[in-house]
Amino acid sequence: RTKDLTWQIAFLIGLFQLVAAVFPGTSRSGATIIGALMIGVSR
């Protein structure tokens, strides 16, 4: 559930978003979704 996201998980997802901000072709949604899936967030 979205309400179960912790502050730490939110910040970690933001770090993955950083990759997309630097490298075009990464996909902002792709980077954040991959990051979220890797740390145990549902699709």
ModelCIF file with pLDDT and N, C-alpha, C, O atoms, coordinates in Angstrom:
data_MODEL
#
_entry.id   MODEL 
#
_entity.id                         1 
_entity.type                       polymer 
_entity.pdbx_number_of_molecules   1 
#
_entity_poly.entity_id                      1 
_entity_poly.type                           'polypeptide(L)' 
_entity_poly.nstd_linkage                   no 
_entity_poly.nstd_monomer                   no 
_entity_poly.pdbx_seq_one_letter_code       RTKDLTWQIAFLIGLFQLVAAVFPGTSRSGATIIGALMIGVSR 
_entity_poly.pdbx_seq_one_letter_code_can   RTKDLTWQIAFLIGLFQLVAAVFPGTSRSGATIIGALMIGVSR 
_entity_poly.pdbx_strand_id                 A 
#
loop_
_entity_poly_seq.entity_id 
_entity_poly_seq.num 
_entity_poly_seq.mon_id 
_entity_poly_seq.hetero 
1 1  ARG n 
1 2  THR n 
1 3  LYS n 
1 4  ASP n 
1 5  LEU n 
1 6  THR n 
1 7  TRP n 
1 8  GLN n 
1 9  ILE n 
1 10 ALA n 
1 11 PHE n 
1 12 LEU n 
1 13 ILE n 
1 14 GLY n 
1 15 LEU n 
1 16 PHE n 
1 17 GLN n 
1 18 LEU n 
1 19 VAL n 
1 20 ALA n 
1 21 ALA n 
1 22 VAL n 
1 23 PHE n 
1 24 PRO n 
1 25 GLY n 
1 26 THR n 
1 27 SER n 
1 28 ARG n 
1 29 SER n 
1 30 GLY n 
1 31 ALA n 
1 32 THR n 
1 33 ILE n 
1 34 ILE n 
1 35 GLY n 
1 36 ALA n 
1 37 LEU n 
1 38 MET n 
1 39 ILE n 
1 40 GLY n 
1 41 VAL n 
1 42 SER n 
1 43 ARG n 
#
_struct_asym.id          A 
_struct_asym.entity_id   1 
#
loop_
_ma_qa_metric.id 
_ma_qa_metric.mode 
_ma_qa_metric.name 
_ma_qa_metric.software_group_id 
_ma_qa_metric.type 
1 global pLDDT . pLDDT 
2 local  pLDDT . pLDDT 
#
_ma_qa_metric_global.metric_id      1 
_ma_qa_metric_global.metric_value   90.12 
_ma_qa_metric_global.model_id       1 
_ma_qa_metric_global.ordinal_id     1 
#
loop_
_ma_qa_metric_local.label_asym_id 
_ma_qa_metric_local.label_comp_id 
_ma_qa_metric_local.label_seq_id 
_ma_qa_metric_local.metric_id 
_ma_qa_metric_local.metric_value 
_ma_qa_metric_local.model_id 
_ma_qa_metric_local.ordinal_id 
A ARG 1  2 91.00 1 1  
A THR 2  2 90.00 1 2  
A LYS 3  2 88.00 1 3  
A ASP 4  2 91.00 1 4  
A LEU 5  2 93.00 1 5  
A THR 6  2 94.00 1 6  
A TRP 7  2 95.00 1 7  
A GLN 8  2 95.00 1 8  
A ILE 9  2 95.00 1 9  
A ALA 10 2 94.00 1 10 
A PHE 11 2 94.00 1 11 
A LEU 12 2 93.00 1 12 
A ILE 13 2 93.00 1 13 
A GLY 14 2 91.00 1 14 
A LEU 15 2 91.00 1 15 
A PHE 16 2 91.00 1 16 
A GLN 17 2 87.00 1 17 
A LEU 18 2 87.00 1 18 
A VAL 19 2 88.00 1 19 
A ALA 20 2 85.00 1 20 
A ALA 21 2 82.00 1 21 
A VAL 22 2 86.00 1 22 
A PHE 23 2 86.00 1 23 
A PRO 24 2 83.00 1 24 
A GLY 25 2 82.00 1 25 
A THR 26 2 87.00 1 26 
A SER 27 2 86.00 1 27 
A ARG 28 2 84.00 1 28 
A SER 29 2 88.00 1 29 
A GLY 30 2 89.00 1 30 
A ALA 31 2 90.00 1 31 
A THR 32 2 92.00 1 32 
A ILE 33 2 92.00 1 33 
A ILE 34 2 92.00 1 34 
A GLY 35 2 91.00 1 35 
A ALA 36 2 93.00 1 36 
A LEU 37 2 92.00 1 37 
A MET 38 2 92.00 1 38 
A ILE 39 2 92.00 1 39 
A GLY 40 2 92.00 1 40 
A VAL 41 2 94.00 1 41 
A SER 42 2 93.00 1 42 
A ARG 43 2 91.00 1 43 
#
loop_
_atom_site.group_PDB 
_atom_site.id 
_atom_site.type_symbol 
_atom_site.label_atom_id 
_atom_site.label_alt_id 
_atom_site.label_comp_id 
_atom_site.label_asym_id 
_atom_site.label_entity_id 
_atom_site.label_seq_id 
_atom_site.pdbx_PDB_ins_code 
_atom_site.Cartn_x 
_atom_site.Cartn_y 
_atom_site.Cartn_z 
_atom_site.occupancy 
_atom_site.B_iso_or_equiv 
_atom_site.pdbx_formal_charge 
_atom_site.auth_seq_id 
_atom_site.auth_comp_id 
_atom_site.auth_asym_id 
_atom_site.auth_atom_id 
_atom_site.pdbx_PDB_model_num 
ATOM 1   N N  . ARG A 1 1  ? 0.848  -1.190 0.000   1.00 91.00 ? 1  ARG A N  1 
ATOM 2   C CA . ARG A 1 1  ? 0.000  0.000  0.000   1.00 91.00 ? 1  ARG A CA 1 
ATOM 3   C C  . ARG A 1 1  ? 0.878  1.232  0.000   1.00 91.00 ? 1  ARG A C  1 
ATOM 4   O O  . ARG A 1 1  ? 1.942  1.247  0.618   1.00 91.00 ? 1  ARG A O  1 
ATOM 5   N N  . THR A 1 2  ? 0.429  2.271  -0.697  1.00 90.00 ? 2  THR A N  1 
ATOM 6   C CA . THR A 1 2  ? 1.217  3.490  -0.774  1.00 90.00 ? 2  THR A CA 1 
ATOM 7   C C  . THR A 1 2  ? 1.469  4.087  0.605   1.00 90.00 ? 2  THR A C  1 
ATOM 8   O O  . THR A 1 2  ? 2.544  4.633  0.854   1.00 90.00 ? 2  THR A O  1 
ATOM 9   N N  . LYS A 1 3  ? 0.497  3.990  1.497   1.00 88.00 ? 3  LYS A N  1 
ATOM 10  C CA . LYS A 1 3  ? 0.636  4.561  2.835   1.00 88.00 ? 3  LYS A CA 1 
ATOM 11  C C  . LYS A 1 3  ? 1.688  3.837  3.665   1.00 88.00 ? 3  LYS A C  1 
ATOM 12  O O  . LYS A 1 3  ? 2.131  4.361  4.687   1.00 88.00 ? 3  LYS A O  1 
ATOM 13  N N  . ASP A 1 4  ? 2.101  2.627  3.238   1.00 91.00 ? 4  ASP A N  1 
ATOM 14  C CA . ASP A 1 4  ? 3.100  1.866  3.974   1.00 91.00 ? 4  ASP A CA 1 
ATOM 15  C C  . ASP A 1 4  ? 4.529  2.182  3.539   1.00 91.00 ? 4  ASP A C  1 
ATOM 16  O O  . ASP A 1 4  ? 5.480  1.650  4.112   1.00 91.00 ? 4  ASP A O  1 
ATOM 17  N N  . LEU A 1 5  ? 4.689  3.038  2.537   1.00 93.00 ? 5  LEU A N  1 
ATOM 18  C CA . LEU A 1 5  ? 6.032  3.467  2.148   1.00 93.00 ? 5  LEU A CA 1 
ATOM 19  C C  . LEU A 1 5  ? 6.662  4.254  3.294   1.00 93.00 ? 5  LEU A C  1 
ATOM 20  O O  . LEU A 1 5  ? 6.062  5.201  3.804   1.00 93.00 ? 5  LEU A O  1 
ATOM 21  N N  . THR A 1 6  ? 7.865  3.866  3.698   1.00 94.00 ? 6  THR A N  1 
ATOM 22  C CA . THR A 1 6  ? 8.558  4.613  4.746   1.00 94.00 ? 6  THR A CA 1 
ATOM 23  C C  . THR A 1 6  ? 9.330  5.770  4.133   1.00 94.00 ? 6  THR A C  1 
ATOM 24  O O  . THR A 1 6  ? 9.501  5.837  2.916   1.00 94.00 ? 6  THR A O  1 
ATOM 25  N N  . TRP A 1 7  ? 9.796  6.681  4.983   1.00 95.00 ? 7  TRP A N  1 
ATOM 26  C CA . TRP A 1 7  ? 10.605 7.803  4.508   1.00 95.00 ? 7  TRP A CA 1 
ATOM 27  C C  . TRP A 1 7  ? 11.906 7.301  3.874   1.00 95.00 ? 7  TRP A C  1 
ATOM 28  O O  . TRP A 1 7  ? 12.370 7.853  2.877   1.00 95.00 ? 7  TRP A O  1 
ATOM 29  N N  . GLN A 1 8  ? 12.487 6.254  4.459   1.00 95.00 ? 8  GLN A N  1 
ATOM 30  C CA . GLN A 1 8  ? 13.736 5.710  3.923   1.00 95.00 ? 8  GLN A CA 1 
ATOM 31  C C  . GLN A 1 8  ? 13.528 5.119  2.536   1.00 95.00 ? 8  GLN A C  1 
ATOM 32  O O  . GLN A 1 8  ? 14.337 5.336  1.634   1.00 95.00 ? 8  GLN A O  1 
ATOM 33  N N  . ILE A 1 9  ? 12.429 4.363  2.367   1.00 95.00 ? 9  ILE A N  1 
ATOM 34  C CA . ILE A 1 9  ? 12.145 3.770  1.058   1.00 95.00 ? 9  ILE A CA 1 
ATOM 35  C C  . ILE A 1 9  ? 11.885 4.855  0.021   1.00 95.00 ? 9  ILE A C  1 
ATOM 36  O O  . ILE A 1 9  ? 12.347 4.754  -1.115  1.00 95.00 ? 9  ILE A O  1 
ATOM 37  N N  . ALA A 1 10 ? 11.150 5.885  0.408   1.00 94.00 ? 10 ALA A N  1 
ATOM 38  C CA . ALA A 1 10 ? 10.868 6.985  -0.512  1.00 94.00 ? 10 ALA A CA 1 
ATOM 39  C C  . ALA A 1 10 ? 12.159 7.645  -0.987  1.00 94.00 ? 10 ALA A C  1 
ATOM 40  O O  . ALA A 1 10 ? 12.309 7.945  -2.171  1.00 94.00 ? 10 ALA A O  1 
ATOM 41  N N  . PHE A 1 11 ? 13.095 7.870  -0.054  1.00 94.00 ? 11 PHE A N  1 
ATOM 42  C CA . PHE A 1 11 ? 14.362 8.509  -0.431  1.00 94.00 ? 11 PHE A CA 1 
ATOM 43  C C  . PHE A 1 11 ? 15.191 7.602  -1.336  1.00 94.00 ? 11 PHE A C  1 
ATOM 44  O O  . PHE A 1 11 ? 15.826 8.073  -2.280  1.00 94.00 ? 11 PHE A O  1 
ATOM 45  N N  . LEU A 1 12 ? 15.184 6.295  -1.045  1.00 93.00 ? 12 LEU A N  1 
ATOM 46  C CA . LEU A 1 12 ? 15.912 5.353  -1.892  1.00 93.00 ? 12 LEU A CA 1 
ATOM 47  C C  . LEU A 1 12 ? 15.355 5.351  -3.316  1.00 93.00 ? 12 LEU A C  1 
ATOM 48  O O  . LEU A 1 12 ? 16.115 5.318  -4.284  1.00 93.00 ? 12 LEU A O  1 
ATOM 49  N N  . ILE A 1 13 ? 14.037 5.386  -3.441  1.00 93.00 ? 13 ILE A N  1 
ATOM 50  C CA . ILE A 1 13 ? 13.422 5.448  -4.774  1.00 93.00 ? 13 ILE A CA 1 
ATOM 51  C C  . ILE A 1 13 ? 13.851 6.731  -5.476  1.00 93.00 ? 13 ILE A C  1 
ATOM 52  O O  . ILE A 1 13 ? 14.084 6.736  -6.685  1.00 93.00 ? 13 ILE A O  1 
ATOM 53  N N  . GLY A 1 14 ? 13.956 7.829  -4.710  1.00 91.00 ? 14 GLY A N  1 
ATOM 54  C CA . GLY A 1 14 ? 14.426 9.089  -5.276  1.00 91.00 ? 14 GLY A CA 1 
ATOM 55  C C  . GLY A 1 14 ? 15.841 9.000  -5.806  1.00 91.00 ? 14 GLY A C  1 
ATOM 56  O O  . GLY A 1 14 ? 16.170 9.650  -6.799  1.00 91.00 ? 14 GLY A O  1 
ATOM 57  N N  . LEU A 1 15 ? 16.688 8.205  -5.163  1.00 91.00 ? 15 LEU A N  1 
ATOM 58  C CA . LEU A 1 15 ? 18.060 8.026  -5.654  1.00 91.00 ? 15 LEU A CA 1 
ATOM 59  C C  . LEU A 1 15 ? 18.065 7.301  -6.998  1.00 91.00 ? 15 LEU A C  1 
ATOM 60  O O  . LEU A 1 15 ? 18.883 7.602  -7.868  1.00 91.00 ? 15 LEU A O  1 
ATOM 61  N N  . PHE A 1 16 ? 17.158 6.354  -7.161  1.00 91.00 ? 16 PHE A N  1 
ATOM 62  C CA . PHE A 1 16 ? 17.049 5.685  -8.462  1.00 91.00 ? 16 PHE A CA 1 
ATOM 63  C C  . PHE A 1 16 ? 16.559 6.671  -9.527  1.00 91.00 ? 16 PHE A C  1 
ATOM 64  O O  . PHE A 1 16 ? 17.001 6.617  -10.675 1.00 91.00 ? 16 PHE A O  1 
ATOM 65  N N  . GLN A 1 17 ? 15.655 7.562  -9.149  1.00 87.00 ? 17 GLN A N  1 
ATOM 66  C CA . GLN A 1 17 ? 15.174 8.579  -10.082 1.00 87.00 ? 17 GLN A CA 1 
ATOM 67  C C  . GLN A 1 17 ? 16.306 9.474  -10.549 1.00 87.00 ? 17 GLN A C  1 
ATOM 68  O O  . GLN A 1 17 ? 16.274 10.006 -11.659 1.00 87.00 ? 17 GLN A O  1 
ATOM 69  N N  . LEU A 1 18 ? 17.311 9.638  -9.693  1.00 87.00 ? 18 LEU A N  1 
ATOM 70  C CA . LEU A 1 18 ? 18.470 10.458 -10.039 1.00 87.00 ? 18 LEU A CA 1 
ATOM 71  C C  . LEU A 1 18 ? 19.187 9.928  -11.279 1.00 87.00 ? 18 LEU A C  1 
ATOM 72  O O  . LEU A 1 18 ? 19.687 10.705 -12.093 1.00 87.00 ? 18 LEU A O  1 
ATOM 73  N N  . VAL A 1 19 ? 19.234 8.617  -11.419 1.00 88.00 ? 19 VAL A N  1 
ATOM 74  C CA . VAL A 1 19 ? 19.884 8.011  -12.586 1.00 88.00 ? 19 VAL A CA 1 
ATOM 75  C C  . VAL A 1 19 ? 19.204 8.477  -13.868 1.00 88.00 ? 19 VAL A C  1 
ATOM 76  O O  . VAL A 1 19 ? 19.865 8.789  -14.858 1.00 88.00 ? 19 VAL A O  1 
ATOM 77  N N  . ALA A 1 20 ? 17.874 8.518  -13.834 1.00 85.00 ? 20 ALA A N  1 
ATOM 78  C CA . ALA A 1 20 ? 17.123 8.965  -15.013 1.00 85.00 ? 20 ALA A CA 1 
ATOM 79  C C  . ALA A 1 20 ? 17.344 10.445 -15.287 1.00 85.00 ? 20 ALA A C  1 
ATOM 80  O O  . ALA A 1 20 ? 17.326 10.871 -16.442 1.00 85.00 ? 20 ALA A O  1 
ATOM 81  N N  . ALA A 1 21 ? 17.554 11.238 -14.228 1.00 82.00 ? 21 ALA A N  1 
ATOM 82  C CA . ALA A 1 21 ? 17.799 12.666 -14.412 1.00 82.00 ? 21 ALA A CA 1 
ATOM 83  C C  . ALA A 1 21 ? 19.133 12.917 -15.108 1.00 82.00 ? 21 ALA A C  1 
ATOM 84  O O  . ALA A 1 21 ? 19.308 13.940 -15.770 1.00 82.00 ? 21 ALA A O  1 
ATOM 85  N N  . VAL A 1 22 ? 20.063 11.994 -14.959 1.00 86.00 ? 22 VAL A N  1 
ATOM 86  C CA . VAL A 1 22 ? 21.397 12.164 -15.535 1.00 86.00 ? 22 VAL A CA 1 
ATOM 87  C C  . VAL A 1 22 ? 21.487 11.572 -16.937 1.00 86.00 ? 22 VAL A C  1 
ATOM 88  O O  . VAL A 1 22 ? 22.047 12.188 -17.844 1.00 86.00 ? 22 VAL A O  1 
ATOM 89  N N  . PHE A 1 23 ? 20.935 10.378 -17.107 1.00 86.00 ? 23 PHE A N  1 
ATOM 90  C CA . PHE A 1 23 ? 21.116 9.656  -18.368 1.00 86.00 ? 23 PHE A CA 1 
ATOM 91  C C  . PHE A 1 23 ? 19.811 9.542  -19.148 1.00 86.00 ? 23 PHE A C  1 
ATOM 92  O O  . PHE A 1 23 ? 18.928 8.781  -18.751 1.00 86.00 ? 23 PHE A O  1 
ATOM 93  N N  . PRO A 1 24 ? 19.668 10.280 -20.250 1.00 83.00 ? 24 PRO A N  1 
ATOM 94  C CA . PRO A 1 24 ? 18.466 10.134 -21.085 1.00 83.00 ? 24 PRO A CA 1 
ATOM 95  C C  . PRO A 1 24 ? 18.410 8.730  -21.672 1.00 83.00 ? 24 PRO A C  1 
ATOM 96  O O  . PRO A 1 24 ? 19.430 8.137  -22.023 1.00 83.00 ? 24 PRO A O  1 
ATOM 97  N N  . GLY A 1 25 ? 17.196 8.224  -21.767 1.00 82.00 ? 25 GLY A N  1 
ATOM 98  C CA . GLY A 1 25 ? 17.021 6.850  -22.229 1.00 82.00 ? 25 GLY A CA 1 
ATOM 99  C C  . GLY A 1 25 ? 16.811 5.898  -21.070 1.00 82.00 ? 25 GLY A C  1 
ATOM 100 O O  . GLY A 1 25 ? 16.390 4.758  -21.268 1.00 82.00 ? 25 GLY A O  1 
ATOM 101 N N  . THR A 1 26 ? 17.104 6.361  -19.844 1.00 87.00 ? 26 THR A N  1 
ATOM 102 C CA . THR A 1 26 ? 16.892 5.512  -18.672 1.00 87.00 ? 26 THR A CA 1 
ATOM 103 C C  . THR A 1 26 ? 15.408 5.326  -18.423 1.00 87.00 ? 26 THR A C  1 
ATOM 104 O O  . THR A 1 26 ? 14.964 4.207  -18.163 1.00 87.00 ? 26 THR A O  1 
ATOM 105 N N  . SER A 1 27 ? 14.630 6.397  -18.499 1.00 86.00 ? 27 SER A N  1 
ATOM 106 C CA . SER A 1 27 ? 13.213 6.465  -18.162 1.00 86.00 ? 27 SER A CA 1 
ATOM 107 C C  . SER A 1 27 ? 13.047 6.741  -16.682 1.00 86.00 ? 27 SER A C  1 
ATOM 108 O O  . SER A 1 27 ? 13.440 5.939  -15.835 1.00 86.00 ? 27 SER A O  1 
ATOM 109 N N  . ARG A 1 28 ? 12.461 7.887  -16.384 1.00 84.00 ? 28 ARG A N  1 
ATOM 110 C CA . ARG A 1 28 ? 12.219 8.246  -14.985 1.00 84.00 ? 28 ARG A CA 1 
ATOM 111 C C  . ARG A 1 28 ? 11.309 7.210  -14.325 1.00 84.00 ? 28 ARG A C  1 
ATOM 112 O O  . ARG A 1 28 ? 11.581 6.748  -13.217 1.00 84.00 ? 28 ARG A O  1 
ATOM 113 N N  . SER A 1 29 ? 10.228 6.850  -15.020 1.00 88.00 ? 29 SER A N  1 
ATOM 114 C CA . SER A 1 29 ? 9.334  5.842  -14.455 1.00 88.00 ? 29 SER A CA 1 
ATOM 115 C C  . SER A 1 29 ? 10.026 4.487  -14.378 1.00 88.00 ? 29 SER A C  1 
ATOM 116 O O  . SER A 1 29 ? 9.831  3.742  -13.418 1.00 88.00 ? 29 SER A O  1 
ATOM 117 N N  . GLY A 1 30 ? 10.834 4.167  -15.389 1.00 89.00 ? 30 GLY A N  1 
ATOM 118 C CA . GLY A 1 30 ? 11.551 2.895  -15.375 1.00 89.00 ? 30 GLY A CA 1 
ATOM 119 C C  . GLY A 1 30 ? 12.512 2.793  -14.213 1.00 89.00 ? 30 GLY A C  1 
ATOM 120 O O  . GLY A 1 30 ? 12.562 1.768  -13.532 1.00 89.00 ? 30 GLY A O  1 
ATOM 121 N N  . ALA A 1 31 ? 13.287 3.861  -13.976 1.00 90.00 ? 31 ALA A N  1 
ATOM 122 C CA . ALA A 1 31 ? 14.272 3.850  -12.895 1.00 90.00 ? 31 ALA A CA 1 
ATOM 123 C C  . ALA A 1 31 ? 13.603 3.735  -11.531 1.00 90.00 ? 31 ALA A C  1 
ATOM 124 O O  . ALA A 1 31 ? 14.048 2.964  -10.681 1.00 90.00 ? 31 ALA A O  1 
ATOM 125 N N  . THR A 1 32 ? 12.542 4.497  -11.323 1.00 92.00 ? 32 THR A N  1 
ATOM 126 C CA . THR A 1 32 ? 11.887 4.465  -10.011 1.00 92.00 ? 32 THR A CA 1 
ATOM 127 C C  . THR A 1 32 ? 11.151 3.150  -9.780  1.00 92.00 ? 32 THR A C  1 
ATOM 128 O O  . THR A 1 32 ? 11.126 2.643  -8.658  1.00 92.00 ? 32 THR A O  1 
ATOM 129 N N  . ILE A 1 33 ? 10.557 2.600  -10.823 1.00 92.00 ? 33 ILE A N  1 
ATOM 130 C CA . ILE A 1 33 ? 9.871  1.313  -10.680 1.00 92.00 ? 33 ILE A CA 1 
ATOM 131 C C  . ILE A 1 33 ? 10.875 0.202  -10.375 1.00 92.00 ? 33 ILE A C  1 
ATOM 132 O O  . ILE A 1 33 ? 10.639 -0.624 -9.494  1.00 92.00 ? 33 ILE A O  1 
ATOM 133 N N  . ILE A 1 34 ? 11.994 0.180  -11.102 1.00 92.00 ? 34 ILE A N  1 
ATOM 134 C CA . ILE A 1 34 ? 13.026 -0.822 -10.829 1.00 92.00 ? 34 ILE A CA 1 
ATOM 135 C C  . ILE A 1 34 ? 13.525 -0.693 -9.392  1.00 92.00 ? 34 ILE A C  1 
ATOM 136 O O  . ILE A 1 34 ? 13.634 -1.685 -8.671  1.00 92.00 ? 34 ILE A O  1 
ATOM 137 N N  . GLY A 1 35 ? 13.824 0.538  -8.986  1.00 91.00 ? 35 GLY A N  1 
ATOM 138 C CA . GLY A 1 35 ? 14.293 0.765  -7.628  1.00 91.00 ? 35 GLY A CA 1 
ATOM 139 C C  . GLY A 1 35 ? 13.296 0.278  -6.591  1.00 91.00 ? 35 GLY A C  1 
ATOM 140 O O  . GLY A 1 35 ? 13.668 -0.361 -5.606  1.00 91.00 ? 35 GLY A O  1 
ATOM 141 N N  . ALA A 1 36 ? 12.029 0.587  -6.821  1.00 93.00 ? 36 ALA A N  1 
ATOM 142 C CA . ALA A 1 36 ? 10.991 0.165  -5.880  1.00 93.00 ? 36 ALA A CA 1 
ATOM 143 C C  . ALA A 1 36 ? 10.864 -1.350 -5.833  1.00 93.00 ? 36 ALA A C  1 
ATOM 144 O O  . ALA A 1 36 ? 10.742 -1.927 -4.753  1.00 93.00 ? 36 ALA A O  1 
ATOM 145 N N  . LEU A 1 37 ? 10.891 -1.999 -6.991  1.00 92.00 ? 37 LEU A N  1 
ATOM 146 C CA . LEU A 1 37 ? 10.785 -3.461 -7.022  1.00 92.00 ? 37 LEU A CA 1 
ATOM 147 C C  . LEU A 1 37 ? 11.963 -4.119 -6.308  1.00 92.00 ? 37 LEU A C  1 
ATOM 148 O O  . LEU A 1 37 ? 11.795 -5.137 -5.636  1.00 92.00 ? 37 LEU A O  1 
ATOM 149 N N  . MET A 1 38 ? 13.144 -3.544 -6.453  1.00 92.00 ? 38 MET A N  1 
ATOM 150 C CA . MET A 1 38 ? 14.341 -4.123 -5.849  1.00 92.00 ? 38 MET A CA 1 
ATOM 151 C C  . MET A 1 38 ? 14.298 -4.085 -4.324  1.00 92.00 ? 38 MET A C  1 
ATOM 152 O O  . MET A 1 38 ? 14.907 -4.929 -3.666  1.00 92.00 ? 38 MET A O  1 
ATOM 153 N N  . ILE A 1 39 ? 13.581 -3.110 -3.758  1.00 92.00 ? 39 ILE A N  1 
ATOM 154 C CA . ILE A 1 39 ? 13.545 -2.995 -2.297  1.00 92.00 ? 39 ILE A CA 1 
ATOM 155 C C  . ILE A 1 39 ? 12.212 -3.472 -1.715  1.00 92.00 ? 39 ILE A C  1 
ATOM 156 O O  . ILE A 1 39 ? 11.871 -3.150 -0.577  1.00 92.00 ? 39 ILE A O  1 
ATOM 157 N N  . GLY A 1 40 ? 11.467 -4.240 -2.508  1.00 92.00 ? 40 GLY A N  1 
ATOM 158 C CA . GLY A 1 40 ? 10.307 -4.936 -1.962  1.00 92.00 ? 40 GLY A CA 1 
ATOM 159 C C  . GLY A 1 40 ? 8.971  -4.240 -2.083  1.00 92.00 ? 40 GLY A C  1 
ATOM 160 O O  . GLY A 1 40 ? 8.042  -4.577 -1.349  1.00 92.00 ? 40 GLY A O  1 
ATOM 161 N N  . VAL A 1 41 ? 8.843  -3.287 -2.978  1.00 94.00 ? 41 VAL A N  1 
ATOM 162 C CA . VAL A 1 41 ? 7.576  -2.590 -3.191  1.00 94.00 ? 41 VAL A CA 1 
ATOM 163 C C  . VAL A 1 41 ? 6.796  -3.309 -4.290  1.00 94.00 ? 41 VAL A C  1 
ATOM 164 O O  . VAL A 1 41 ? 7.384  -3.753 -5.276  1.00 94.00 ? 41 VAL A O  1 
ATOM 165 N N  . SER A 1 42 ? 5.490  -3.425 -4.129  1.00 93.00 ? 42 SER A N  1 
ATOM 166 C CA . SER A 1 42 ? 4.667  -4.096 -5.138  1.00 93.00 ? 42 SER A CA 1 
ATOM 167 C C  . SER A 1 42 ? 4.621  -3.284 -6.427  1.00 93.00 ? 42 SER A C  1 
ATOM 168 O O  . SER A 1 42 ? 4.893  -2.083 -6.421  1.00 93.00 ? 42 SER A O  1 
ATOM 169 N N  . ARG A 1 43 ? 4.277  -3.944 -7.531  1.00 91.00 ? 43 ARG A N  1 
ATOM 170 C CA . ARG A 1 43 ? 4.230  -3.258 -8.825  1.00 91.00 ? 43 ARG A CA 1 
ATOM 171 C C  . ARG A 1 43 ? 3.222  -2.116 -8.817  1.00 91.00 ? 43 ARG A C  1 
ATOM 172 O O  . ARG A 1 43 ? 3.055  -1.433 -9.827  1.00 91.00 ? 43 ARG A O  1 
#
